[in-house]
PDB file of N, CA and C in Angstrom:
ATOM      1  N   MET A   1      67.602  -7.105  67.461  1.00  0.00           N
ATOM      2  CA  MET A   1      68.166  -8.397  67.776  1.00  0.00           C
ATOM      3  C   MET A   1      69.447  -8.589  66.980  1.00  0.00           C
ATOM      4  N   LEU A   2      70.482  -8.984  67.637  1.00  0.00           N
ATOM      5  CA  LEU A   2      71.775  -9.138  66.993  1.00  0.00           C
ATOM      6  C   LEU A   2      71.902 -10.429  66.203  1.00  0.00           C
ATOM      7  N   ASP A   3      71.138 -11.454  66.582  1.00  0.00           N
ATOM      8  CA  ASP A   3      71.305 -12.742  65.921  1.00  0.00           C
ATOM      9  C   ASP A   3      70.273 -12.980  64.816  1.00  0.00           C
ATOM     10  N   GLU A   4      69.681 -11.921  64.269  1.00  0.00           N
ATOM     11  CA  GLU A   4      68.721 -12.078  63.184  1.00  0.00           C
ATOM     12  C   GLU A   4      69.431 -12.507  61.908  1.00  0.00           C
ATOM     13  N   ASN A   5      68.758 -13.332  61.133  1.00  0.00           N
ATOM     14  CA  ASN A   5      69.286 -13.788  59.856  1.00  0.00           C
ATOM     15  C   ASN A   5      68.281 -13.392  58.785  1.00  0.00           C
ATOM     16  N   LYS A   6      68.644 -12.476  57.911  1.00  0.00           N
ATOM     17  CA  LYS A   6      67.736 -11.999  56.877  1.00  0.00           C
ATOM     18  C   LYS A   6      68.058 -12.597  55.513  1.00  0.00           C
ATOM     19  N   VAL A   7      68.933 -13.566  55.476  1.00  0.00           N
ATOM     20  CA  VAL A   7      69.338 -14.196  54.224  1.00  0.00           C
ATOM     21  C   VAL A   7      68.504 -15.461  54.027  1.00  0.00           C
ATOM     22  N   ALA A   8      68.060 -15.698  52.803  1.00  0.00           N
ATOM     23  CA  ALA A   8      67.319 -16.923  52.497  1.00  0.00           C
ATOM     24  C   ALA A   8      68.224 -18.132  52.681  1.00  0.00           C
ATOM     25  N   ILE A   9      67.659 -19.205  53.185  1.00  0.00           N
ATOM     26  CA  ILE A   9      68.431 -20.418  53.441  1.00  0.00           C
ATOM     27  C   ILE A   9      67.822 -21.556  52.626  1.00  0.00           C
ATOM     28  N   GLU A  10      68.638 -22.277  51.902  1.00  0.00           N
ATOM     29  CA  GLU A  10      68.189 -23.455  51.169  1.00  0.00           C
ATOM     30  C   GLU A  10      68.157 -24.651  52.112  1.00  0.00           C
ATOM     31  N   LEU A  11      67.058 -25.392  52.066  1.00  0.00           N
ATOM     32  CA  LEU A  11      66.936 -26.596  52.891  1.00  0.00           C
ATOM     33  C   LEU A  11      66.813 -27.813  51.991  1.00  0.00           C
ATOM     34  N   ALA A  12      67.365 -28.915  52.449  1.00  0.00           N
ATOM     35  CA  ALA A  12      67.238 -30.184  51.736  1.00  0.00           C
ATOM     36  C   ALA A  12      65.810 -30.704  51.897  1.00  0.00           C
ATOM     37  N   ASP A  13      65.398 -31.636  51.027  1.00  0.00           N
ATOM     38  CA  ASP A  13      64.049 -32.206  51.107  1.00  0.00           C
ATOM     39  C   ASP A  13      63.775 -32.822  52.471  1.00  0.00           C
ATOM     40  N   GLU A  14      64.758 -33.497  53.044  1.00  0.00           N
ATOM     41  CA  GLU A  14      64.583 -34.114  54.360  1.00  0.00           C
ATOM     42  C   GLU A  14      64.342 -33.052  55.434  1.00  0.00           C
ATOM     43  N   GLU A  15      65.058 -31.936  55.331  1.00  0.00           N
ATOM     44  CA  GLU A  15      64.871 -30.849  56.296  1.00  0.00           C
ATOM     45  C   GLU A  15      63.500 -30.206  56.138  1.00  0.00           C
ATOM     46  N   LEU A  16      63.052 -30.052  54.884  1.00  0.00           N
ATOM     47  CA  LEU A  16      61.721 -29.497  54.644  1.00  0.00           C
ATOM     48  C   LEU A  16      60.633 -30.398  55.212  1.00  0.00           C
ATOM     49  N   ASP A  17      60.809 -31.715  55.081  1.00  0.00           N
ATOM     50  CA  ASP A  17      59.839 -32.651  55.649  1.00  0.00           C
ATOM     51  C   ASP A  17      59.709 -32.467  57.154  1.00  0.00           C
ATOM     52  N   MET A  18      60.805 -32.166  57.809  1.00  0.00           N
ATOM     53  CA  MET A  18      60.789 -32.027  59.265  1.00  0.00           C
ATOM     54  C   MET A  18      60.092 -30.749  59.723  1.00  0.00           C
ATOM     55  N   ILE A  19      60.128 -29.678  58.928  1.00  0.00           N
ATOM     56  CA  ILE A  19      59.555 -28.412  59.389  1.00  0.00           C
ATOM     57  C   ILE A  19      58.304 -27.994  58.630  1.00  0.00           C
ATOM     58  N   ALA A  20      58.056 -28.587  57.465  1.00  0.00           N
ATOM     59  CA  ALA A  20      56.970 -28.115  56.611  1.00  0.00           C
ATOM     60  C   ALA A  20      55.612 -28.651  57.023  1.00  0.00           C
ATOM     61  N   GLY A  21      55.545 -29.532  57.940  1.00  0.00           N
ATOM     62  CA  GLY A  21      54.248 -30.046  58.344  1.00  0.00           C
ATOM     63  C   GLY A  21      54.334 -31.503  58.691  1.00  0.00           C
ATOM     64  N   GLY A  22      53.212 -32.080  58.786  1.00  0.00           N
ATOM     65  CA  GLY A  22      53.173 -33.482  59.140  1.00  0.00           C
ATOM     66  C   GLY A  22      51.741 -33.953  59.142  1.00  0.00           C
ATOM     67  N   PHE A  23      51.500 -34.961  59.879  1.00  0.00           N
ATOM     68  CA  PHE A  23      50.186 -35.578  59.918  1.00  0.00           C
ATOM     69  C   PHE A  23      49.673 -35.524  61.344  1.00  0.00           C
ATOM     70  N   ASN A  24      48.557 -34.878  61.543  1.00  0.00           N
ATOM     71  CA  ASN A  24      47.887 -34.853  62.842  1.00  0.00           C
ATOM     72  C   ASN A  24      46.503 -35.445  62.648  1.00  0.00           C
ATOM     73  N   PHE A  25      46.091 -36.287  63.566  1.00  0.00           N
ATOM     74  CA  PHE A  25      44.809 -36.970  63.424  1.00  0.00           C
ATOM     75  C   PHE A  25      44.143 -37.068  64.782  1.00  0.00           C
ATOM     76  N   PHE A  26      42.861 -36.701  64.850  1.00  0.00           N
ATOM     77  CA  PHE A  26      42.075 -36.803  66.081  1.00  0.00           C
ATOM     78  C   PHE A  26      40.801 -37.560  65.764  1.00  0.00           C
ATOM     79  N   PHE A  27      40.424 -38.482  66.639  1.00  0.00           N
ATOM     80  CA  PHE A  27      39.146 -39.157  66.461  1.00  0.00           C
ATOM     81  C   PHE A  27      38.477 -39.338  67.816  1.00  0.00           C
ATOM     82  N   ALA A  28      37.152 -39.405  67.781  1.00  0.00           N
ATOM     83  CA  ALA A  28      36.369 -39.639  68.995  1.00  0.00           C
ATOM     84  C   ALA A  28      35.147 -40.461  68.606  1.00  0.00           C
ATOM     85  N   ALA A  29      34.760 -41.383  69.473  1.00  0.00           N
ATOM     86  CA  ALA A  29      33.581 -42.206  69.229  1.00  0.00           C
ATOM     87  C   ALA A  29      32.908 -42.510  70.558  1.00  0.00           C
ATOM     88  N   THR A  30      31.585 -42.551  70.536  1.00  0.00           N
ATOM     89  CA  THR A  30      30.825 -42.900  71.732  1.00  0.00           C
ATOM     90  C   THR A  30      29.721 -43.887  71.360  1.00  0.00           C
ATOM     91  N   PHE A  31      29.265 -44.615  72.357  1.00  0.00           N
ATOM     92  CA  PHE A  31      28.202 -45.600  72.165  1.00  0.00           C
ATOM     93  C   PHE A  31      27.308 -45.570  73.394  1.00  0.00           C
ATOM     94  N   PHE A  32      25.994 -45.635  73.190  1.00  0.00           N
ATOM     95  CA  PHE A  32      25.041 -45.691  74.298  1.00  0.00           C
ATOM     96  C   PHE A  32      23.921 -46.643  73.925  1.00  0.00           C
ATOM     97  N   GLU A  33      23.567 -47.512  74.871  1.00  0.00           N
ATOM     98  CA  GLU A  33      22.447 -48.431  74.673  1.00  0.00           C
ATOM     99  C   GLU A  33      21.726 -48.589  75.999  1.00  0.00           C
ATOM    100  N   GLN A  34      20.396 -48.501  75.963  1.00  0.00           N
ATOM    101  CA  GLN A  34      19.597 -48.670  77.182  1.00  0.00           C
ATOM    102  C   GLN A  34      18.465 -49.640  76.890  1.00  0.00           C
ATOM    103  N   SER A  35      18.233 -50.546  77.814  1.00  0.00           N
ATOM    104  CA  SER A  35      17.170 -51.528  77.678  1.00  0.00           C
ATOM    105  C   SER A  35      16.362 -51.554  78.973  1.00  0.00           C
ATOM    106  N   ASP A  36      15.046 -51.320  78.865  1.00  0.00           N
ATOM    107  CA  ASP A  36      14.149 -51.341  80.029  1.00  0.00           C
ATOM    108  C   ASP A  36      13.201 -52.532  79.918  1.00  0.00           C
ATOM    109  N   ARG A  37      12.964 -53.187  81.048  1.00  0.00           N
ATOM    110  CA  ARG A  37      12.017 -54.304  81.105  1.00  0.00           C
ATOM    111  C   ARG A  37      11.112 -54.116  82.320  1.00  0.00           C
ATOM    112  N   VAL A  38       9.814 -54.338  82.109  1.00  0.00           N
ATOM    113  CA  VAL A  38       8.845 -54.235  83.206  1.00  0.00           C
ATOM    114  C   VAL A  38       7.969 -55.483  83.183  1.00  0.00           C
ATOM    115  N   ILE A  39       7.853 -56.126  84.342  1.00  0.00           N
ATOM    116  CA  ILE A  39       6.991 -57.298  84.496  1.00  0.00           C
ATOM    117  C   ILE A  39       5.974 -56.977  85.586  1.00  0.00           C
ATOM    118  N   LEU A  40       4.716 -57.108  85.250  1.00  0.00           N
ATOM    119  CA  LEU A  40       3.641 -56.826  86.201  1.00  0.00           C
ATOM    120  C   LEU A  40       2.767 -58.070  86.321  1.00  0.00           C
ATOM    121  N   GLN A  41       2.487 -58.479  87.553  1.00  0.00           N
ATOM    122  CA  GLN A  41       1.651 -59.655  87.793  1.00  0.00           C
ATOM    123  C   GLN A  41       0.569 -59.267  88.788  1.00  0.00           C
ATOM    124  N   ASN A  42      -0.649 -59.686  88.524  1.00  0.00           N
ATOM    125  CA  ASN A  42      -1.761 -59.433  89.440  1.00  0.00           C
ATOM    126  C   ASN A  42      -2.619 -60.690  89.470  1.00  0.00           C
ATOM    127  N   THR A  43      -2.815 -61.275  90.640  1.00  0.00           N
ATOM    128  CA  THR A  43      -3.608 -62.494  90.788  1.00  0.00           C
ATOM    129  C   THR A  43      -4.702 -62.246  91.818  1.00  0.00           C
ATOM    130  N   GLN A  44      -5.909 -62.684  91.526  1.00  0.00           N
ATOM    131  CA  GLN A  44      -7.018 -62.554  92.483  1.00  0.00           C
ATOM    132  C   GLN A  44      -7.796 -63.862  92.528  1.00  0.00           C
ATOM    133  N   SER A  45      -8.475 -64.080  93.628  1.00  0.00           N
ATOM    134  CA  SER A  45      -9.290 -65.287  93.774  1.00  0.00           C
ATOM    135  C   SER A  45     -10.700 -64.912  94.208  1.00  0.00           C
ATOM    136  N   GLY A  46     -11.463 -65.947  94.587  1.00  0.00           N
ATOM    137  CA  GLY A  46     -12.879 -65.815  94.907  1.00  0.00           C
ATOM    138  C   GLY A  46     -13.211 -65.351  96.304  1.00  0.00           C
ATOM    139  N   PRO A  47     -14.448 -65.486  96.662  1.00  0.00           N
ATOM    140  CA  PRO A  47     -15.144 -64.712  97.694  1.00  0.00           C
ATOM    141  C   PRO A  47     -14.277 -64.358  98.906  1.00  0.00           C
ATOM    142  N   ASN A  48     -13.870 -63.134  98.858  1.00  0.00           N
ATOM    143  CA  ASN A  48     -13.142 -62.466  99.941  1.00  0.00           C
ATOM    144  C   ASN A  48     -11.810 -63.110 100.316  1.00  0.00           C
ATOM    145  N   GLY A  49     -11.186 -63.831  99.436  1.00  0.00           N
ATOM    146  CA  GLY A  49      -9.896 -64.428  99.751  1.00  0.00           C
ATOM    147  C   GLY A  49      -8.927 -64.334  98.577  1.00  0.00           C
ATOM    148  N   SER A  50      -7.651 -64.384  98.889  1.00  0.00           N
ATOM    149  CA  SER A  50      -6.521 -64.404  97.949  1.00  0.00           C
ATOM    150  C   SER A  50      -6.356 -63.102  97.152  1.00  0.00           C
ATOM    151  N   SER A  51      -5.131 -62.756  96.986  1.00  0.00           N
ATOM    152  CA  SER A  51      -4.759 -61.627  96.143  1.00  0.00           C
ATOM    153  C   SER A  51      -3.236 -61.568  96.099  1.00  0.00           C
ATOM    154  N   THR A  52      -2.678 -61.194  95.022  1.00  0.00           N
ATOM    155  CA  THR A  52      -1.230 -61.014  94.917  1.00  0.00           C
ATOM    156  C   THR A  52      -0.920 -59.955  93.861  1.00  0.00           C
ATOM    157  N   SER A  53       0.124 -59.268  94.053  1.00  0.00           N
ATOM    158  CA  SER A  53       0.578 -58.268  93.075  1.00  0.00           C
ATOM    159  C   SER A  53       2.103 -58.291  93.049  1.00  0.00           C
ATOM    160  N   SER A  54       2.668 -58.116  91.902  1.00  0.00           N
ATOM    161  CA  SER A  54       4.123 -58.046  91.758  1.00  0.00           C
ATOM    162  C   SER A  54       4.468 -57.022  90.690  1.00  0.00           C
ATOM    163  N   LEU A  55       5.571 -56.347  90.889  1.00  0.00           N
ATOM    164  CA  LEU A  55       6.087 -55.426  89.886  1.00  0.00           C
ATOM    165  C   LEU A  55       7.606 -55.554  89.884  1.00  0.00           C
ATOM    166  N   ILE A  56       8.154 -55.902  88.752  1.00  0.00           N
ATOM    167  CA  ILE A  56       9.603 -56.026  88.605  1.00  0.00           C
ATOM    168  C   ILE A  56      10.025 -55.129  87.442  1.00  0.00           C
ATOM    169  N   ALA A  57      11.005 -54.284  87.682  1.00  0.00           N
ATOM    170  CA  ALA A  57      11.521 -53.403  86.625  1.00  0.00           C
ATOM    171  C   ALA A  57      13.044 -53.488  86.613  1.00  0.00           C
ATOM    172  N   THR A  58      13.612 -53.622  85.433  1.00  0.00           N
ATOM    173  CA  THR A  58      15.072 -53.635  85.293  1.00  0.00           C
ATOM    174  C   THR A  58      15.482 -52.651  84.202  1.00  0.00           C
ATOM    175  N   ARG A  59      16.677 -52.145  84.337  1.00  0.00           N
ATOM    176  CA  ARG A  59      17.241 -51.243  83.319  1.00  0.00           C
ATOM    177  C   ARG A  59      18.709 -51.605  83.130  1.00  0.00           C
ATOM    178  N   ASP A  60      19.083 -51.907  81.902  1.00  0.00           N
ATOM    179  CA  ASP A  60      20.479 -52.156  81.538  1.00  0.00           C
ATOM    180  C   ASP A  60      20.975 -50.967  80.720  1.00  0.00           C
ATOM    181  N   ILE A  61      22.113 -50.418  81.126  1.00  0.00           N
ATOM    182  CA  ILE A  61      22.712 -49.306  80.390  1.00  0.00           C
ATOM    183  C   ILE A  61      24.144 -49.690  80.035  1.00  0.00           C
ATOM    184  N   ARG A  62      24.478 -49.532  78.766  1.00  0.00           N
ATOM    185  CA  ARG A  62      25.840 -49.799  78.301  1.00  0.00           C
ATOM    186  C   ARG A  62      26.365 -48.542  77.619  1.00  0.00           C
ATOM    187  N   THR A  63      27.545 -48.116  78.034  1.00  0.00           N
ATOM    188  CA  THR A  63      28.171 -46.954  77.412  1.00  0.00           C
ATOM    189  C   THR A  63      29.630 -47.257  77.110  1.00  0.00           C
ATOM    190  N   PHE A  64      30.140 -46.539  76.145  1.00  0.00           N
ATOM    191  CA  PHE A  64      31.528 -46.718  75.736  1.00  0.00           C
ATOM    192  C   PHE A  64      31.993 -45.423  75.080  1.00  0.00           C
ATOM    193  N   ALA A  65      33.209 -45.012  75.355  1.00  0.00           N
ATOM    194  CA  ALA A  65      33.778 -43.825  74.706  1.00  0.00           C
ATOM    195  C   ALA A  65      35.271 -44.036  74.498  1.00  0.00           C
ATOM    196  N   ILE A  66      35.760 -43.525  73.393  1.00  0.00           N
ATOM    197  CA  ILE A  66      37.189 -43.593  73.106  1.00  0.00           C
ATOM    198  C   ILE A  66      37.568 -42.359  72.289  1.00  0.00           C
ATOM    199  N   GLN A  67      38.752 -41.884  72.505  1.00  0.00           N
ATOM    200  CA  GLN A  67      39.279 -40.824  71.655  1.00  0.00           C
ATOM    201  C   GLN A  67      40.783 -40.978  71.545  1.00  0.00           C
ATOM    202  N   GLY A  68      41.310 -40.491  70.456  1.00  0.00           N
ATOM    203  CA  GLY A  68      42.749 -40.599  70.236  1.00  0.00           C
ATOM    204  C   GLY A  68      43.267 -39.382  69.499  1.00  0.00           C
ATOM    205  N   LEU A  69      44.507 -39.075  69.742  1.00  0.00           N
ATOM    206  CA  LEU A  69      45.171 -37.951  69.091  1.00  0.00           C
ATOM    207  C   LEU A  69      46.559 -38.409  68.671  1.00  0.00           C
ATOM    208  N   PHE A  70      46.836 -38.329  67.398  1.00  0.00           N
ATOM    209  CA  PHE A  70      48.139 -38.691  66.862  1.00  0.00           C
ATOM    210  C   PHE A  70      48.770 -37.431  66.278  1.00  0.00           C
ATOM    211  N   LEU A  71      49.987 -37.145  66.666  1.00  0.00           N
ATOM    212  CA  LEU A  71      50.656 -35.915  66.246  1.00  0.00           C
ATOM    213  C   LEU A  71      52.013 -36.185  65.621  1.00  0.00           C
ATOM    214  N   GLY A  72      52.349 -35.400  64.619  1.00  0.00           N
ATOM    215  CA  GLY A  72      53.719 -35.200  64.236  1.00  0.00           C
ATOM    216  C   GLY A  72      54.378 -36.057  63.203  1.00  0.00           C
ATOM    217  N   ASP A  73      53.794 -37.128  62.706  1.00  0.00           N
ATOM    218  CA  ASP A  73      54.491 -37.900  61.679  1.00  0.00           C
ATOM    219  C   ASP A  73      54.477 -37.138  60.366  1.00  0.00           C
ATOM    220  N   THR A  74      55.592 -37.110  59.710  1.00  0.00           N
ATOM    221  CA  THR A  74      55.655 -36.547  58.367  1.00  0.00           C
ATOM    222  C   THR A  74      55.451 -37.680  57.376  1.00  0.00           C
ATOM    223  N   PRO A  75      55.020 -37.370  56.159  1.00  0.00           N
ATOM    224  CA  PRO A  75      54.755 -38.443  55.197  1.00  0.00           C
ATOM    225  C   PRO A  75      55.927 -39.393  54.997  1.00  0.00           C
ATOM    226  N   SER A  76      57.160 -38.913  55.092  1.00  0.00           N
ATOM    227  CA  SER A  76      58.310 -39.794  54.877  1.00  0.00           C
ATOM    228  C   SER A  76      58.536 -40.748  56.044  1.00  0.00           C
ATOM    229  N   GLN A  77      57.866 -40.515  57.185  1.00  0.00           N
ATOM    230  CA  GLN A  77      58.057 -41.371  58.358  1.00  0.00           C
ATOM    231  C   GLN A  77      56.972 -42.438  58.498  1.00  0.00           C
ATOM    232  N   PHE A  78      55.929 -42.418  57.664  1.00  0.00           N
ATOM    233  CA  PHE A  78      54.859 -43.396  57.782  1.00  0.00           C
ATOM    234  C   PHE A  78      55.408 -44.807  57.625  1.00  0.00           C
ATOM    235  N   GLY A  79      55.004 -45.681  58.487  1.00  0.00           N
ATOM    236  CA  GLY A  79      55.393 -47.070  58.388  1.00  0.00           C
ATOM    237  C   GLY A  79      56.787 -47.388  58.865  1.00  0.00           C
ATOM    238  N   GLN A  80      57.498 -46.421  59.392  1.00  0.00           N
ATOM    239  CA  GLN A  80      58.848 -46.677  59.892  1.00  0.00           C
ATOM    240  C   GLN A  80      58.825 -46.723  61.408  1.00  0.00           C
ATOM    241  N   SER A  81      59.548 -47.652  61.980  1.00  0.00           N
ATOM    242  CA  SER A  81      59.653 -47.709  63.439  1.00  0.00           C
ATOM    243  C   SER A  81      60.944 -47.035  63.867  1.00  0.00           C
ATOM    244  N   SER A  82      60.901 -46.485  65.071  1.00  0.00           N
ATOM    245  CA  SER A  82      62.081 -45.771  65.580  1.00  0.00           C
ATOM    246  C   SER A  82      63.111 -46.721  66.122  1.00  0.00           C
TER     247      SER A  82
END
């Protein structure tokens, strides 16, 4: 390669901040909740008459998920707006 540079280069602190790393952050969270309810009713009466039966069932499900990825801020850029 003709454009290779084999000489050490001095960088200013600001330049080092830009290439030396930064802050990357990933988070994920999930939530699950389930609630089941069952109601059973049975009614009977006397000699050969009346009867009733009921069954009611419900299920509530709640879910939630979130994730985030933050890339690239260097420590000198924290708290600064562009």
